[in-house]
Amino acid sequence: MITYEPFYRTIKDKGISTYKLIQQHGISRSLLDRLKHNKPISTVTINDLCTILGCNVEDILLYIPDKK
């Protein structure tokens, strides 16, 4: 499972609100909803978020192996 929990820590640590992401960086509300509910996003989107936030992939997502 991929979780985007680190994304929310990263924006908090950098002092960036979701409002600022929407208004200043053109991030859609639907993308933020996808992140909130751990739904799939594209690698292009991950790249864009890393560029905007000046961070690494691990600052946006975390892989947790599924339980068998």
PDB file of N, CA and C in Angstrom:
ATOM      1  N   MET A   1       0.844  -1.176   0.000  1.00  0.00           N
ATOM      2  CA  MET A   1       0.000   0.000   0.000  1.00  0.00           C
ATOM      3  C   MET A   1       0.892   1.243   0.000  1.00  0.00           C
ATOM      4  N   ILE A   2       0.460   2.229  -0.732  1.00  0.00           N
ATOM      5  CA  ILE A   2       1.138   3.516  -0.732  1.00  0.00           C
ATOM      6  C   ILE A   2       0.318   4.476   0.125  1.00  0.00           C
ATOM      7  N   THR A   3       0.972   5.149   1.047  1.00  0.00           N
ATOM      8  CA  THR A   3       0.307   6.166   1.851  1.00  0.00           C
ATOM      9  C   THR A   3       0.994   7.508   1.599  1.00  0.00           C
ATOM     10  N   TYR A   4       0.193   8.552   1.595  1.00  0.00           N
ATOM     11  CA  TYR A   4       0.717   9.895   1.364  1.00  0.00           C
ATOM     12  C   TYR A   4       0.810  10.697   2.664  1.00  0.00           C
ATOM     13  N   GLU A   5       0.843  10.000   3.761  1.00  0.00           N
ATOM     14  CA  GLU A   5       0.979  10.641   5.068  1.00  0.00           C
ATOM     15  C   GLU A   5       2.205  11.562   5.132  1.00  0.00           C
ATOM     16  N   PRO A   6       3.358  11.156   4.580  1.00  0.00           N
ATOM     17  CA  PRO A   6       4.520  12.049   4.626  1.00  0.00           C
ATOM     18  C   PRO A   6       4.297  13.385   3.906  1.00  0.00           C
ATOM     19  N   PHE A   7       3.432  13.399   2.899  1.00  0.00           N
ATOM     20  CA  PHE A   7       3.128  14.636   2.176  1.00  0.00           C
ATOM     21  C   PHE A   7       2.617  15.698   3.135  1.00  0.00           C
ATOM     22  N   TYR A   8       1.691  15.318   4.004  1.00  0.00           N
ATOM     23  CA  TYR A   8       1.091  16.277   4.930  1.00  0.00           C
ATOM     24  C   TYR A   8       2.084  16.752   5.987  1.00  0.00           C
ATOM     25  N   ARG A   9       2.985  15.875   6.404  1.00  0.00           N
ATOM     26  CA  ARG A   9       4.055  16.303   7.326  1.00  0.00           C
ATOM     27  C   ARG A   9       4.985  17.291   6.625  1.00  0.00           C
ATOM     28  N   THR A  10       5.296  17.000   5.362  1.00  0.00           N
ATOM     29  CA  THR A  10       6.211  17.854   4.600  1.00  0.00           C
ATOM     30  C   THR A  10       5.639  19.246   4.410  1.00  0.00           C
ATOM     31  N   ILE A  11       4.374  19.342   4.012  1.00  0.00           N
ATOM     32  CA  ILE A  11       3.820  20.686   3.804  1.00  0.00           C
ATOM     33  C   ILE A  11       3.702  21.436   5.134  1.00  0.00           C
ATOM     34  N   LYS A  12       3.422  20.706   6.204  1.00  0.00           N
ATOM     35  CA  LYS A  12       3.356  21.346   7.523  1.00  0.00           C
ATOM     36  C   LYS A  12       4.737  21.865   7.924  1.00  0.00           C
ATOM     37  N   ASP A  13       5.762  21.026   7.764  1.00  0.00           N
ATOM     38  CA  ASP A  13       7.128  21.417   8.121  1.00  0.00           C
ATOM     39  C   ASP A  13       7.611  22.612   7.292  1.00  0.00           C
ATOM     40  N   LYS A  14       7.167  22.694   6.053  1.00  0.00           N
ATOM     41  CA  LYS A  14       7.591  23.782   5.165  1.00  0.00           C
ATOM     42  C   LYS A  14       6.682  25.001   5.269  1.00  0.00           C
ATOM     43  N   GLY A  15       5.635  24.904   6.079  1.00  0.00           N
ATOM     44  CA  GLY A  15       4.729  26.022   6.280  1.00  0.00           C
ATOM     45  C   GLY A  15       3.889  26.354   5.055  1.00  0.00           C
ATOM     46  N   ILE A  16       3.545  25.320   4.276  1.00  0.00           N
ATOM     47  CA  ILE A  16       2.743  25.504   3.073  1.00  0.00           C
ATOM     48  C   ILE A  16       1.357  24.899   3.307  1.00  0.00           C
ATOM     49  N   SER A  17       0.341  25.701   3.105  1.00  0.00           N
ATOM     50  CA  SER A  17      -1.025  25.220   3.299  1.00  0.00           C
ATOM     51  C   SER A  17      -1.558  24.612   2.002  1.00  0.00           C
ATOM     52  N   THR A  18      -2.604  23.823   2.135  1.00  0.00           N
ATOM     53  CA  THR A  18      -3.241  23.285   0.934  1.00  0.00           C
ATOM     54  C   THR A  18      -3.844  24.424   0.111  1.00  0.00           C
ATOM     55  N   TYR A  19      -4.309  25.466   0.784  1.00  0.00           N
ATOM     56  CA  TYR A  19      -4.833  26.640   0.082  1.00  0.00           C
ATOM     57  C   TYR A  19      -3.756  27.250  -0.818  1.00  0.00           C
ATOM     58  N   LYS A  20      -2.549  27.379  -0.294  1.00  0.00           N
ATOM     59  CA  LYS A  20      -1.439  27.935  -1.080  1.00  0.00           C
ATOM     60  C   LYS A  20      -1.100  27.024  -2.261  1.00  0.00           C
ATOM     61  N   LEU A  21      -1.139  25.714  -2.057  1.00  0.00           N
ATOM     62  CA  LEU A  21      -0.887  24.781  -3.152  1.00  0.00           C
ATOM     63  C   LEU A  21      -1.909  24.964  -4.270  1.00  0.00           C
ATOM     64  N   ILE A  22      -3.156  25.184  -3.888  1.00  0.00           N
ATOM     65  CA  ILE A  22      -4.223  25.371  -4.867  1.00  0.00           C
ATOM     66  C   ILE A  22      -4.078  26.719  -5.574  1.00  0.00           C
ATOM     67  N   GLN A  23      -3.950  27.774  -4.797  1.00  0.00           N
ATOM     68  CA  GLN A  23      -3.957  29.125  -5.353  1.00  0.00           C
ATOM     69  C   GLN A  23      -2.667  29.511  -6.073  1.00  0.00           C
ATOM     70  N   GLN A  24      -1.519  29.171  -5.500  1.00  0.00           N
ATOM     71  CA  GLN A  24      -0.250  29.638  -6.063  1.00  0.00           C
ATOM     72  C   GLN A  24       0.431  28.636  -6.979  1.00  0.00           C
ATOM     73  N   HIS A  25       0.113  27.359  -6.825  1.00  0.00           N
ATOM     74  CA  HIS A  25       0.815  26.335  -7.593  1.00  0.00           C
ATOM     75  C   HIS A  25      -0.095  25.538  -8.522  1.00  0.00           C
ATOM     76  N   GLY A  26      -1.386  25.840  -8.511  1.00  0.00           N
ATOM     77  CA  GLY A  26      -2.310  25.193  -9.437  1.00  0.00           C
ATOM     78  C   GLY A  26      -2.618  23.739  -9.139  1.00  0.00           C
ATOM     79  N   ILE A  27      -2.407  23.319  -7.906  1.00  0.00           N
ATOM     80  CA  ILE A  27      -2.745  21.948  -7.509  1.00  0.00           C
ATOM     81  C   ILE A  27      -4.265  21.876  -7.365  1.00  0.00           C
ATOM     82  N   SER A  28      -4.864  20.860  -7.943  1.00  0.00           N
ATOM     83  CA  SER A  28      -6.329  20.756  -7.906  1.00  0.00           C
ATOM     84  C   SER A  28      -6.815  20.173  -6.576  1.00  0.00           C
ATOM     85  N   ARG A  29      -8.036  20.535  -6.254  1.00  0.00           N
ATOM     86  CA  ARG A  29      -8.668  19.986  -5.043  1.00  0.00           C
ATOM     87  C   ARG A  29      -8.842  18.478  -5.181  1.00  0.00           C
ATOM     88  N   SER A  30      -9.088  18.021  -6.410  1.00  0.00           N
ATOM     89  CA  SER A  30      -9.273  16.581  -6.615  1.00  0.00           C
ATOM     90  C   SER A  30      -7.971  15.823  -6.343  1.00  0.00           C
ATOM     91  N   LEU A  31      -6.827  16.417  -6.684  1.00  0.00           N
ATOM     92  CA  LEU A  31      -5.551  15.764  -6.366  1.00  0.00           C
ATOM     93  C   LEU A  31      -5.367  15.690  -4.858  1.00  0.00           C
ATOM     94  N   LEU A  32      -5.658  16.766  -4.166  1.00  0.00           N
ATOM     95  CA  LEU A  32      -5.528  16.750  -2.710  1.00  0.00           C
ATOM     96  C   LEU A  32      -6.456  15.711  -2.088  1.00  0.00           C
ATOM     97  N   ASP A  33      -7.642  15.538  -2.678  1.00  0.00           N
ATOM     98  CA  ASP A  33      -8.569  14.509  -2.203  1.00  0.00           C
ATOM     99  C   ASP A  33      -7.986  13.115  -2.444  1.00  0.00           C
ATOM    100  N   ARG A  34      -7.352  12.917  -3.601  1.00  0.00           N
ATOM    101  CA  ARG A  34      -6.721  11.626  -3.906  1.00  0.00           C
ATOM    102  C   ARG A  34      -5.613  11.330  -2.895  1.00  0.00           C
ATOM    103  N   LEU A  35      -4.819  12.342  -2.575  1.00  0.00           N
ATOM    104  CA  LEU A  35      -3.748  12.162  -1.589  1.00  0.00           C
ATOM    105  C   LEU A  35      -4.331  11.835  -0.216  1.00  0.00           C
ATOM    106  N   LYS A  36      -5.376  12.556   0.160  1.00  0.00           N
ATOM    107  CA  LYS A  36      -5.999  12.358   1.468  1.00  0.00           C
ATOM    108  C   LYS A  36      -6.525  10.936   1.638  1.00  0.00           C
ATOM    109  N   HIS A  37      -7.026  10.359   0.533  1.00  0.00           N
ATOM    110  CA  HIS A  37      -7.614   9.024   0.604  1.00  0.00           C
ATOM    111  C   HIS A  37      -6.693   7.920   0.065  1.00  0.00           C
ATOM    112  N   ASN A  38      -5.398   8.251  -0.074  1.00  0.00           N
ATOM    113  CA  ASN A  38      -4.386   7.284  -0.516  1.00  0.00           C
ATOM    114  C   ASN A  38      -4.749   6.592  -1.828  1.00  0.00           C
ATOM    115  N   LYS A  39      -5.307   7.355  -2.746  1.00  0.00           N
ATOM    116  CA  LYS A  39      -5.630   6.822  -4.070  1.00  0.00           C
ATOM    117  C   LYS A  39      -4.431   7.023  -4.989  1.00  0.00           C
ATOM    118  N   PRO A  40      -4.347   6.252  -6.057  1.00  0.00           N
ATOM    119  CA  PRO A  40      -3.186   6.343  -6.956  1.00  0.00           C
ATOM    120  C   PRO A  40      -3.056   7.716  -7.620  1.00  0.00           C
ATOM    121  N   ILE A  41      -1.810   8.154  -7.772  1.00  0.00           N
ATOM    122  CA  ILE A  41      -1.491   9.349  -8.544  1.00  0.00           C
ATOM    123  C   ILE A  41      -0.340   8.990  -9.481  1.00  0.00           C
ATOM    124  N   SER A  42      -0.155   9.786 -10.511  1.00  0.00           N
ATOM    125  CA  SER A  42       0.879   9.471 -11.498  1.00  0.00           C
ATOM    126  C   SER A  42       2.267   9.882 -11.017  1.00  0.00           C
ATOM    127  N   THR A  43       3.267   9.295 -11.645  1.00  0.00           N
ATOM    128  CA  THR A  43       4.646   9.672 -11.316  1.00  0.00           C
ATOM    129  C   THR A  43       4.933  11.100 -11.768  1.00  0.00           C
ATOM    130  N   VAL A  44       4.238  11.561 -12.792  1.00  0.00           N
ATOM    131  CA  VAL A  44       4.382  12.960 -13.224  1.00  0.00           C
ATOM    132  C   VAL A  44       3.919  13.887 -12.101  1.00  0.00           C
ATOM    133  N   THR A  45       2.819  13.535 -11.460  1.00  0.00           N
ATOM    134  CA  THR A  45       2.300  14.329 -10.351  1.00  0.00           C
ATOM    135  C   THR A  45       3.258  14.296  -9.169  1.00  0.00           C
ATOM    136  N   ILE A  46       3.811  13.135  -8.883  1.00  0.00           N
ATOM    137  CA  ILE A  46       4.795  13.026  -7.796  1.00  0.00           C
ATOM    138  C   ILE A  46       5.994  13.922  -8.101  1.00  0.00           C
ATOM    139  N   ASN A  47       6.443  13.901  -9.341  1.00  0.00           N
ATOM    140  CA  ASN A  47       7.551  14.762  -9.759  1.00  0.00           C
ATOM    141  C   ASN A  47       7.187  16.238  -9.566  1.00  0.00           C
ATOM    142  N   ASP A  48       5.999  16.618  -9.972  1.00  0.00           N
ATOM    143  CA  ASP A  48       5.553  18.011  -9.812  1.00  0.00           C
ATOM    144  C   ASP A  48       5.526  18.421  -8.343  1.00  0.00           C
ATOM    145  N   LEU A  49       5.011  17.553  -7.488  1.00  0.00           N
ATOM    146  CA  LEU A  49       4.959  17.861  -6.057  1.00  0.00           C
ATOM    147  C   LEU A  49       6.362  18.003  -5.466  1.00  0.00           C
ATOM    148  N   CYS A  50       7.268  17.115  -5.873  1.00  0.00           N
ATOM    149  CA  CYS A  50       8.657  17.210  -5.395  1.00  0.00           C
ATOM    150  C   CYS A  50       9.291  18.524  -5.835  1.00  0.00           C
ATOM    151  N   THR A  51       9.013  18.946  -7.053  1.00  0.00           N
ATOM    152  CA  THR A  51       9.547  20.203  -7.571  1.00  0.00           C
ATOM    153  C   THR A  51       8.985  21.391  -6.794  1.00  0.00           C
ATOM    154  N   ILE A  52       7.680  21.409  -6.597  1.00  0.00           N
ATOM    155  CA  ILE A  52       7.029  22.506  -5.878  1.00  0.00           C
ATOM    156  C   ILE A  52       7.534  22.597  -4.447  1.00  0.00           C
ATOM    157  N   LEU A  53       7.650  21.445  -3.788  1.00  0.00           N
ATOM    158  CA  LEU A  53       8.014  21.428  -2.371  1.00  0.00           C
ATOM    159  C   LEU A  53       9.523  21.388  -2.137  1.00  0.00           C
ATOM    160  N   GLY A  54      10.288  21.152  -3.195  1.00  0.00           N
ATOM    161  CA  GLY A  54      11.737  21.049  -3.039  1.00  0.00           C
ATOM    162  C   GLY A  54      12.110  19.899  -2.116  1.00  0.00           C
ATOM    163  N   CYS A  55      11.535  18.744  -2.398  1.00  0.00           N
ATOM    164  CA  CYS A  55      11.752  17.593  -1.519  1.00  0.00           C
ATOM    165  C   CYS A  55      11.996  16.338  -2.339  1.00  0.00           C
ATOM    166  N   ASN A  56      12.201  15.223  -1.652  1.00  0.00           N
ATOM    167  CA  ASN A  56      12.400  13.920  -2.274  1.00  0.00           C
ATOM    168  C   ASN A  56      11.094  13.124  -2.254  1.00  0.00           C
ATOM    169  N   VAL A  57      11.049  12.060  -3.043  1.00  0.00           N
ATOM    170  CA  VAL A  57       9.850  11.222  -3.130  1.00  0.00           C
ATOM    171  C   VAL A  57       9.438  10.706  -1.749  1.00  0.00           C
ATOM    172  N   GLU A  58      10.393  10.318  -0.940  1.00  0.00           N
ATOM    173  CA  GLU A  58      10.053   9.770   0.378  1.00  0.00           C
ATOM    174  C   GLU A  58       9.444  10.820   1.307  1.00  0.00           C
ATOM    175  N   ASP A  59       9.514  12.088   0.927  1.00  0.00           N
ATOM    176  CA  ASP A  59       8.858  13.144   1.693  1.00  0.00           C
ATOM    177  C   ASP A  59       7.397  13.300   1.295  1.00  0.00           C
ATOM    178  N   ILE A  60       6.978  12.550   0.274  1.00  0.00           N
ATOM    179  CA  ILE A  60       5.604  12.621  -0.212  1.00  0.00           C
ATOM    180  C   ILE A  60       4.848  11.323   0.011  1.00  0.00           C
ATOM    181  N   LEU A  61       5.524  10.203  -0.165  1.00  0.00           N
ATOM    182  CA  LEU A  61       4.825   8.936  -0.025  1.00  0.00           C
ATOM    183  C   LEU A  61       5.656   7.905   0.725  1.00  0.00           C
ATOM    184  N   LEU A  62       4.945   6.894   1.201  1.00  0.00           N
ATOM    185  CA  LEU A  62       5.566   5.805   1.941  1.00  0.00           C
ATOM    186  C   LEU A  62       4.944   4.500   1.484  1.00  0.00           C
ATOM    187  N   TYR A  63       5.791   3.524   1.210  1.00  0.00           N
ATOM    188  CA  TYR A  63       5.309   2.193   0.822  1.00  0.00           C
ATOM    189  C   TYR A  63       5.211   1.327   2.070  1.00  0.00           C
ATOM    190  N   ILE A  64       4.044   0.728   2.267  1.00  0.00           N
ATOM    191  CA  ILE A  64       3.819  -0.198   3.377  1.00  0.00           C
ATOM    192  C   ILE A  64       3.382  -1.517   2.752  1.00  0.00           C
ATOM    193  N   PRO A  65       4.167  -2.588   2.929  1.00  0.00           N
ATOM    194  CA  PRO A  65       3.781  -3.882   2.335  1.00  0.00           C
ATOM    195  C   PRO A  65       2.401  -4.328   2.835  1.00  0.00           C
ATOM    196  N   ASP A  66       1.607  -4.882   1.925  1.00  0.00           N
ATOM    197  CA  ASP A  66       0.294  -5.406   2.284  1.00  0.00           C
ATOM    198  C   ASP A  66       0.456  -6.638   3.151  1.00  0.00           C
ATOM    199  N   LYS A  67      -0.453  -6.812   4.091  1.00  0.00           N
ATOM    200  CA  LYS A  67      -0.448  -8.019   4.913  1.00  0.00           C
ATOM    201  C   LYS A  67      -1.037  -9.148   4.106  1.00  0.00           C
ATOM    202  N   LYS A  68      -0.454 -10.329   4.219  1.00  0.00           N
ATOM    203  CA  LYS A  68      -0.933 -11.489   3.449  1.00  0.00           C
ATOM    204  C   LYS A  68      -1.978 -12.258   4.190  1.00  0.00           C
TER     205      LYS A  68
END
